[in-house]
Amino acid sequence: MRNQLYPHWDRSSAWDPETLGALNGAIARGVEYANQLFTQATIDLNLPEEQKHEAMVLLAQGVSDGVMEFAETQKK
């Protein structure tokens, strides 16, 4: 099926809404858990807020990339 607004986008390879919801939930839970672990691991380090923020961005990106890499292996 071709999209009339974006003819170059082939939706036949797109995720269905249920799968997108599950992936979004997995990413959200993974980022939340990574944040908890990071907070616990660095509680005594007295890191500046900017450094904490930079680390969390990297952790969140890693979680997102990992979930999506796994999801790609599950495509039929």
Protein backbone atom coordinates (compact mmCIF):
# COMPACT_ATOMS: atom_id res chain seq x y z
CA MET A 1 0.00 0.00 0.00
CA ARG A 2 1.38 3.39 -0.98
CA ASN A 3 0.74 6.59 0.93
CA GLN A 4 -0.50 9.42 -1.31
CA LEU A 5 1.26 12.13 0.71
CA TYR A 6 4.53 10.19 0.88
CA PRO A 7 4.64 7.97 -2.19
CA HIS A 8 8.19 6.81 -1.37
CA TRP A 9 7.01 5.28 1.92
CA ASP A 10 5.95 1.65 1.60
CA ARG A 11 3.73 0.84 4.62
CA SER A 12 3.94 -2.88 3.96
CA SER A 13 7.14 -2.91 6.03
CA ALA A 14 5.71 -0.73 8.82
CA TRP A 15 4.84 -2.07 12.27
CA ASP A 16 1.18 -2.51 13.16
CA PRO A 17 -0.20 -0.31 15.99
CA GLU A 18 -0.15 -3.12 18.56
CA THR A 19 3.50 -3.87 17.89
CA LEU A 20 4.41 -0.19 17.99
CA GLY A 21 2.67 0.09 21.37
CA ALA A 22 4.56 -2.92 22.70
CA LEU A 23 7.89 -1.55 21.44
CA ASN A 24 7.15 1.85 22.92
CA GLY A 25 6.30 0.23 26.27
CA ALA A 26 9.46 -1.89 26.21
CA ILE A 27 11.59 1.18 25.51
CA ALA A 28 9.86 3.20 28.25
CA ARG A 29 10.31 0.43 30.84
CA GLY A 30 13.90 -0.15 29.75
CA VAL A 31 14.78 3.53 30.04
CA GLU A 32 13.09 3.76 33.44
CA TYR A 33 15.02 0.72 34.69
CA ALA A 34 18.31 2.05 33.25
CA ASN A 35 17.65 5.35 35.01
CA GLN A 36 17.07 3.56 38.33
CA LEU A 37 20.25 1.53 37.96
CA PHE A 38 22.27 4.58 36.97
CA THR A 39 20.91 6.58 39.90
CA GLN A 40 21.73 3.80 42.36
CA ALA A 41 25.20 3.24 40.90
CA THR A 42 26.17 6.92 41.00
CA ILE A 43 24.45 8.02 44.21
CA ASP A 44 27.75 8.59 46.03
CA LEU A 45 29.62 10.14 43.08
CA ASN A 46 28.13 13.64 43.38
CA LEU A 47 27.94 14.09 39.60
CA PRO A 48 26.86 17.45 38.17
CA GLU A 49 23.30 17.50 36.76
CA GLU A 50 24.60 18.17 33.24
CA GLN A 51 26.76 15.06 33.37
CA LYS A 52 23.84 12.98 34.68
CA HIS A 53 21.66 14.28 31.86
CA GLU A 54 24.27 13.43 29.21
CA ALA A 55 24.63 9.92 30.61
CA MET A 56 20.86 9.37 30.66
CA VAL A 57 20.55 10.48 27.04
CA LEU A 58 23.17 7.90 26.08
CA LEU A 59 21.51 5.20 28.19
CA ALA A 60 18.09 5.96 26.71
CA GLN A 61 19.50 5.83 23.18
CA GLY A 62 21.17 2.51 23.95
CA VAL A 63 17.94 1.03 25.29
CA SER A 64 15.99 2.29 22.28
CA ASP A 65 18.56 0.96 19.82
CA GLY A 66 18.67 -2.40 21.59
CA VAL A 67 14.90 -2.85 21.59
CA MET A 68 14.65 -1.88 17.93
CA GLU A 69 17.52 -4.18 16.92
CA PHE A 70 15.72 -7.03 18.66
CA ALA A 71 12.42 -6.07 17.02
CA GLU A 72 14.02 -6.15 13.58
CA THR A 73 15.08 -9.76 14.19
CA GLN A 74 11.44 -10.64 14.88
CA LYS A 75 10.06 -9.43 11.55
CA LYS A 76 8.66 -12.16 9.36
